[in-house]
Amino acid sequence: MDTRDITSQRLAESIIAVPPMARDSNGKVCARENKKLIDHIQQGGVNTLLYGGNAIFYHLRLSEYESTLSMLAETVADDTLIVPSVGPSFGLMMDQAEILKQMDFPTAMILPSTEINTQQGLIRGIRRFAEAYGKPIVLYLKHNRWLPAADVRSLVRDGLVSWIKYAVVLPDPAADDYLKEIVDVAPTDLMVSGMGEQPAICHMQKFKMVGFTSGCVCVAPTWSTRMLQALQAGDVPTAEMIRSKFKLLEDLRDGVNPIRVLHYAVEYAKICQTGEITPMLGELNAAQIEQVRRAAEETLAWENSARHAAASAS
């Protein structure tokens, strides 16, 4: 596992994959199946994995937290960065800080929540966690104006932020007044677009973010990596072509539920067995299953075609 400090250069190395968490028939985190997924992602040129919402860390038991993180650290390649998540409740994240202090992860992301908190309280809680952890955190801006730009500036100024994941969903990502305020107070080379391939072009071209996170990269990592490389080279037409190919699966994630669709898309693509999803989220219905299965199979076939072409050319 890569334990280097986070820099803008490190963030630019790779798509930031946000995978689901595979579990066995008893609901336990399954090392074997998670390794299959990690291997598939790494083979597509991805060396940064963020375990957060898609892995349903919101509902991860504290009793399985350390063993899950140890399994991930032992499974990935030496140059792959793992970013675990904490929270969203204050008590849970402070207990998780005690575990993380004994481990080598260079940063951790605080899961955002709008329940039972205030903006002033959030800043205090983030600072308390960062102080307890002893390392800078990933600041996840998911909700519009969740934190005022002035408070974001103070966290960055005080060295408490390793990077920012920006994922406020708006009809037009280019018309985002909150984001305009954030980029005025935070270095954009430490900001990452946090909503997959669809807004990434706008966020990287207009707002100069250094990269993007993706869930669909778990199915087609080669293409997601090529999209990042195209954007870094200024080749927007190629990036647009690749983005259009992800739209089938992304539209299902937007229309049904991003976590549930990705969880089962990975399984229907036969990458690994992700197992039953947490009861707190519920299952897909029959029509949704068929739609997700078709999209997953089509996306994987597209991925396999790229790998086959690369192998033939070498």
Protein backbone atom coordinates (compact mmCIF):
# COMPACT_ATOMS: atom_id res chain seq x y z
CA MET A 1 0.00 0.00 0.00
CA ASP A 2 1.18 3.49 -0.87
CA THR A 3 1.71 5.50 2.32
CA ARG A 4 3.15 8.67 0.74
CA ASP A 5 1.79 12.04 1.78
CA ILE A 6 -0.87 13.35 -0.58
CA THR A 7 0.31 15.90 -3.15
CA SER A 8 -1.30 17.33 -6.26
CA GLN A 9 1.04 15.15 -8.32
CA ARG A 10 -0.12 12.04 -6.46
CA LEU A 11 -3.78 12.96 -6.98
CA ALA A 12 -3.18 13.39 -10.71
CA GLU A 13 -1.64 9.92 -11.08
CA SER A 14 -4.92 8.06 -11.18
CA ILE A 15 -8.66 8.07 -11.29
CA ILE A 16 -9.93 7.82 -7.72
CA ALA A 17 -12.04 4.67 -7.72
CA VAL A 18 -14.89 4.51 -5.20
CA PRO A 19 -15.67 0.77 -5.04
CA PRO A 20 -18.47 -1.15 -3.37
CA MET A 21 -17.63 -3.55 -0.53
CA ALA A 22 -18.08 -7.26 -1.28
CA ARG A 23 -19.64 -9.37 1.46
CA ASP A 24 -20.26 -13.10 1.77
CA SER A 25 -23.53 -14.95 2.29
CA ASN A 26 -23.32 -14.26 6.03
CA GLY A 27 -22.91 -10.52 5.50
CA LYS A 28 -19.22 -10.56 6.43
CA VAL A 29 -16.63 -8.55 4.49
CA CYS A 30 -15.14 -11.05 2.02
CA ALA A 31 -11.40 -10.76 1.38
CA ARG A 32 -11.49 -13.09 -1.64
CA GLU A 33 -14.19 -11.23 -3.55
CA ASN A 34 -12.84 -7.80 -2.69
CA LYS A 35 -9.46 -8.88 -4.04
CA LYS A 36 -11.07 -9.82 -7.37
CA LEU A 37 -12.56 -6.33 -7.65
CA ILE A 38 -9.34 -4.60 -6.57
CA ASP A 39 -7.32 -6.62 -9.09
CA HIS A 40 -9.76 -5.70 -11.89
CA ILE A 41 -9.51 -2.01 -11.02
CA GLN A 42 -5.72 -2.02 -10.72
CA GLN A 43 -5.34 -3.85 -14.04
CA GLY A 44 -7.05 -0.87 -15.67
CA GLY A 45 -4.30 1.48 -14.52
CA VAL A 46 -5.96 2.75 -11.34
CA ASN A 47 -3.92 3.06 -8.15
CA THR A 48 -6.16 5.11 -5.84
CA LEU A 49 -9.15 3.59 -4.04
CA LEU A 50 -11.52 5.56 -1.82
CA TYR A 51 -13.81 3.52 0.41
CA GLY A 52 -16.78 5.69 1.32
CA GLY A 53 -20.41 5.87 0.24
CA ASN A 54 -20.32 3.12 -2.39
CA ALA A 55 -18.68 0.80 0.15
CA ILE A 56 -21.43 1.85 2.59
CA PHE A 57 -18.98 2.89 5.29
CA TYR A 58 -21.93 4.81 6.74
CA HIS A 59 -23.18 1.47 8.10
CA LEU A 60 -19.86 -0.27 8.75
CA ARG A 61 -19.71 -1.77 12.22
CA LEU A 62 -16.97 -0.43 14.46
CA SER A 63 -16.14 -4.03 15.38
CA GLU A 64 -15.24 -4.75 11.72
CA TYR A 65 -13.53 -1.45 10.96
CA GLU A 66 -9.93 -2.38 11.76
CA SER A 67 -10.07 -5.81 10.16
CA THR A 68 -11.64 -4.36 6.99
CA LEU A 69 -8.94 -1.72 6.65
CA SER A 70 -6.19 -4.26 7.33
CA MET A 71 -7.60 -6.53 4.63
CA LEU A 72 -7.65 -3.69 2.10
CA ALA A 73 -4.10 -2.60 2.95
CA GLU A 74 -2.82 -6.16 2.56
CA THR A 75 -4.69 -6.75 -0.71
CA VAL A 76 -3.67 -3.78 -2.85
CA ALA A 77 -0.43 -3.34 -4.76
CA ASP A 78 2.50 -1.53 -3.15
CA ASP A 79 1.83 1.62 -5.19
CA THR A 80 -1.94 1.74 -4.59
CA LEU A 81 -3.31 4.33 -2.19
CA ILE A 82 -6.24 3.41 0.05
CA VAL A 83 -8.37 6.22 1.52
CA PRO A 84 -10.76 4.96 4.22
CA SER A 85 -13.72 6.94 5.53
CA VAL A 86 -14.90 7.79 9.02
CA GLY A 87 -18.17 8.87 10.60
CA PRO A 88 -20.51 10.45 9.89
CA SER A 89 -21.37 10.59 13.60
CA PHE A 90 -18.89 12.34 15.86
CA GLY A 91 -18.63 9.55 18.41
CA LEU A 92 -17.96 6.95 15.73
CA MET A 93 -15.30 9.01 13.97
CA MET A 94 -13.46 9.66 17.22
CA ASP A 95 -13.36 5.92 17.96
CA GLN A 96 -12.19 5.33 14.39
CA ALA A 97 -9.43 7.92 14.90
CA GLU A 98 -7.96 5.72 17.64
CA ILE A 99 -7.83 2.79 15.20
CA LEU A 100 -6.46 4.83 12.30
CA LYS A 101 -3.63 6.25 14.41
CA GLN A 102 -2.20 2.74 14.61
CA MET A 103 -2.29 2.28 10.83
CA ASP A 104 -0.37 3.73 7.87
CA PHE A 105 -3.11 5.38 5.81
CA PRO A 106 -1.92 8.92 4.93
CA THR A 107 -5.42 10.40 5.11
CA ALA A 108 -9.08 9.58 5.75
CA MET A 109 -12.33 11.08 4.49
CA ILE A 110 -15.06 12.34 6.80
CA LEU A 111 -18.43 11.21 5.50
CA PRO A 112 -20.82 14.16 5.18
CA SER A 113 -24.15 14.34 6.95
CA THR A 114 -26.82 17.02 7.29
CA GLU A 115 -28.48 15.43 10.31
CA ILE A 116 -28.12 16.60 13.92
CA ASN A 117 -25.39 19.17 13.30
CA THR A 118 -24.80 22.84 12.54
CA GLN A 119 -22.19 24.49 10.33
CA GLN A 120 -20.30 25.83 13.35
CA GLY A 121 -20.47 22.43 14.98
CA LEU A 122 -19.22 20.69 11.84
CA ILE A 123 -16.06 22.80 11.79
CA ARG A 124 -15.41 22.01 15.45
CA GLY A 125 -16.00 18.30 14.83
CA ILE A 126 -13.72 18.19 11.77
CA ARG A 127 -10.98 19.95 13.68
CA ARG A 128 -11.34 17.63 16.67
CA PHE A 129 -11.09 14.56 14.45
CA ALA A 130 -8.06 15.87 12.53
CA GLU A 131 -6.30 16.69 15.80
CA ALA A 132 -7.08 13.24 17.22
CA TYR A 133 -6.03 11.49 14.01
CA GLY A 134 -2.87 13.56 13.65
CA LYS A 135 -3.09 13.75 9.86
CA PRO A 136 -4.95 15.97 7.35
CA ILE A 137 -8.35 14.75 6.18
CA VAL A 138 -10.26 14.54 2.92
CA LEU A 139 -12.99 17.16 3.03
CA TYR A 140 -16.09 15.86 1.25
CA LEU A 141 -18.33 18.70 0.08
CA LYS A 142 -21.46 16.85 -0.99
CA HIS A 143 -24.26 19.19 0.08
CA ASN A 144 -24.72 22.69 -1.30
CA ARG A 145 -23.21 25.24 1.10
CA TRP A 146 -22.62 22.48 3.67
CA LEU A 147 -19.65 24.52 4.90
CA PRO A 148 -19.10 28.23 4.17
CA ALA A 149 -16.13 29.00 1.95
CA ALA A 150 -14.50 30.98 4.76
CA ASP A 151 -14.48 27.88 6.97
CA VAL A 152 -13.06 25.76 4.16
CA ARG A 153 -10.31 28.34 3.78
CA SER A 154 -9.48 28.16 7.49
CA LEU A 155 -9.25 24.35 7.43
CA VAL A 156 -6.95 24.46 4.40
CA ARG A 157 -4.86 27.30 5.85
CA ASP A 158 -4.33 25.35 9.08
CA GLY A 159 -3.07 22.27 7.22
CA LEU A 160 -6.02 20.07 8.16
CA VAL A 161 -7.08 19.18 4.59
CA SER A 162 -5.18 16.77 2.35
CA TRP A 163 -7.61 17.22 -0.56
CA ILE A 164 -11.22 18.13 -1.28
CA LYS A 165 -13.82 15.94 -2.93
CA TYR A 166 -16.46 18.21 -4.45
CA ALA A 167 -19.75 16.51 -5.27
CA VAL A 168 -22.61 19.02 -5.14
CA VAL A 169 -25.14 17.90 -7.74
CA LEU A 170 -26.66 20.70 -9.82
CA PRO A 171 -28.50 20.68 -13.19
CA ASP A 172 -25.57 22.55 -14.76
CA PRO A 173 -22.16 21.95 -13.12
CA ALA A 174 -20.79 25.05 -14.87
CA ALA A 175 -23.32 27.28 -13.09
CA ASP A 176 -22.23 26.55 -9.52
CA ASP A 177 -21.90 29.62 -7.32
CA TYR A 178 -20.82 27.57 -4.29
CA LEU A 179 -18.01 25.95 -6.24
CA LYS A 180 -16.87 29.36 -7.49
CA GLU A 181 -16.57 30.45 -3.86
CA ILE A 182 -14.65 27.31 -2.90
CA VAL A 183 -12.08 27.58 -5.72
CA ASP A 184 -11.40 31.15 -4.61
CA VAL A 185 -10.24 29.93 -1.18
CA ALA A 186 -8.80 26.45 -1.83
CA PRO A 187 -6.05 25.26 -4.20
CA THR A 188 -7.70 23.63 -7.21
CA ASP A 189 -4.77 21.24 -7.65
CA LEU A 190 -5.96 19.61 -4.41
CA MET A 191 -9.60 19.49 -5.52
CA VAL A 192 -11.22 16.48 -7.15
CA SER A 193 -14.55 16.25 -8.95
CA GLY A 194 -16.58 13.80 -6.91
CA MET A 195 -19.48 12.70 -9.11
CA GLY A 196 -18.04 10.36 -11.70
CA GLU A 197 -17.40 10.94 -15.38
CA GLN A 198 -20.43 13.09 -16.22
CA PRO A 199 -19.42 16.45 -14.60
CA ALA A 200 -15.68 15.73 -14.65
CA ILE A 201 -14.98 17.49 -17.94
CA CYS A 202 -16.58 20.72 -16.73
CA HIS A 203 -14.91 20.52 -13.33
CA MET A 204 -11.45 19.86 -14.77
CA GLN A 205 -11.69 22.27 -17.71
CA LYS A 206 -13.58 25.20 -16.20
CA PHE A 207 -12.60 24.93 -12.53
CA LYS A 208 -9.14 23.36 -13.00
CA MET A 209 -9.64 20.43 -10.64
CA VAL A 210 -6.84 17.91 -10.70
CA GLY A 211 -8.91 14.76 -11.25
CA PHE A 212 -12.15 12.95 -10.49
CA THR A 213 -13.63 10.09 -8.52
CA SER A 214 -15.64 7.36 -10.21
CA GLY A 215 -17.85 4.42 -9.34
CA CYS A 216 -18.20 3.13 -12.90
CA VAL A 217 -14.41 2.85 -13.05
CA CYS A 218 -14.96 -0.36 -11.09
CA VAL A 219 -16.41 -1.88 -14.28
CA ALA A 220 -14.37 -0.06 -16.95
CA PRO A 221 -11.12 1.21 -15.37
CA THR A 222 -9.16 1.26 -18.63
CA TRP A 223 -11.60 3.69 -20.23
CA SER A 224 -11.95 5.85 -17.14
CA THR A 225 -8.15 6.11 -16.99
CA ARG A 226 -8.06 7.08 -20.66
CA MET A 227 -10.62 9.80 -20.00
CA LEU A 228 -8.44 11.27 -17.26
CA GLN A 229 -5.41 11.15 -19.53
CA ALA A 230 -7.36 12.81 -22.34
CA LEU A 231 -8.41 15.66 -20.06
CA GLN A 232 -4.87 16.10 -18.79
CA ALA A 233 -3.73 16.35 -22.42
CA GLY A 234 -6.48 18.82 -23.30
CA ASP A 235 -8.18 16.32 -25.62
CA VAL A 236 -11.77 17.19 -24.78
CA PRO A 237 -13.38 15.39 -27.80
CA THR A 238 -11.87 12.06 -26.71
CA ALA A 239 -12.95 12.69 -23.13
CA GLU A 240 -16.48 13.50 -24.32
CA MET A 241 -16.61 10.29 -26.37
CA ILE A 242 -15.57 8.21 -23.36
CA ARG A 243 -17.99 10.00 -21.07
CA SER A 244 -20.86 9.20 -23.43
CA LYS A 245 -20.08 5.50 -23.11
CA PHE A 246 -20.43 5.65 -19.32
CA LYS A 247 -23.79 7.42 -19.57
CA LEU A 248 -25.88 4.23 -19.77
CA LEU A 249 -24.75 2.98 -16.38
CA GLU A 250 -24.51 6.45 -14.85
CA ASP A 251 -28.10 7.28 -15.86
CA LEU A 252 -29.27 4.18 -13.98
CA ARG A 253 -27.27 5.21 -10.94
CA ASP A 254 -28.83 8.67 -11.07
CA GLY A 255 -32.34 7.35 -11.74
CA VAL A 256 -32.43 4.49 -9.22
CA ASN A 257 -29.71 4.86 -6.61
CA PRO A 258 -25.96 5.29 -7.16
CA ILE A 259 -24.86 2.91 -4.40
CA ARG A 260 -27.32 0.10 -5.07
CA VAL A 261 -26.84 0.16 -8.85
CA LEU A 262 -23.03 0.04 -8.62
CA HIS A 263 -23.09 -2.68 -5.97
CA TYR A 264 -25.00 -5.00 -8.27
CA ALA A 265 -23.46 -3.80 -11.55
CA VAL A 266 -20.09 -5.14 -10.37
CA GLU A 267 -21.69 -8.49 -9.63
CA TYR A 268 -23.71 -8.67 -12.86
CA ALA A 269 -20.54 -7.88 -14.80
CA LYS A 270 -19.09 -11.01 -13.14
CA ILE A 271 -16.14 -9.10 -11.71
CA CYS A 272 -16.81 -10.38 -8.21
CA GLN A 273 -19.68 -11.43 -5.97
CA THR A 274 -20.64 -8.33 -4.01
CA GLY A 275 -23.29 -10.19 -2.00
CA GLU A 276 -26.46 -8.87 -0.42
CA ILE A 277 -26.50 -5.14 0.16
CA THR A 278 -27.06 -3.74 3.65
CA PRO A 279 -30.71 -4.00 4.76
CA MET A 280 -30.75 -0.25 5.30
CA LEU A 281 -30.67 0.30 1.52
CA GLY A 282 -32.92 -2.44 0.17
CA GLU A 283 -32.86 -4.41 -3.06
CA LEU A 284 -33.51 -3.61 -6.71
CA ASN A 285 -36.79 -4.71 -8.25
CA ALA A 286 -36.98 -7.13 -11.18
CA ALA A 287 -37.12 -4.43 -13.86
CA GLN A 288 -34.19 -2.56 -12.34
CA ILE A 289 -32.16 -5.76 -12.10
CA GLU A 290 -32.56 -6.40 -15.80
CA GLN A 291 -31.62 -2.82 -16.69
CA VAL A 292 -28.53 -2.90 -14.48
CA ARG A 293 -27.51 -6.30 -15.80
CA ARG A 294 -27.64 -5.11 -19.43
CA ALA A 295 -25.75 -1.90 -18.66
CA ALA A 296 -23.09 -3.75 -16.65
CA GLU A 297 -22.54 -6.36 -19.35
CA GLU A 298 -22.34 -3.72 -22.07
CA THR A 299 -19.89 -1.59 -20.08
CA LEU A 300 -17.68 -4.59 -19.29
CA ALA A 301 -17.67 -5.67 -22.96
CA TRP A 302 -16.47 -2.17 -23.85
CA GLU A 303 -13.73 -2.47 -21.23
CA ASN A 304 -12.67 -5.91 -22.46
CA SER A 305 -12.42 -4.64 -26.03
CA ALA A 306 -9.92 -2.01 -24.91
CA ARG A 307 -7.84 -4.54 -23.00
CA HIS A 308 -7.88 -6.96 -25.94
CA ALA A 309 -6.79 -4.22 -28.34
CA ALA A 310 -3.97 -3.18 -26.02
CA ALA A 311 -2.80 -6.79 -25.64
CA SER A 312 -2.86 -7.32 -29.42
CA ALA A 313 -0.82 -4.17 -30.01
CA SER A 314 1.88 -5.12 -27.51
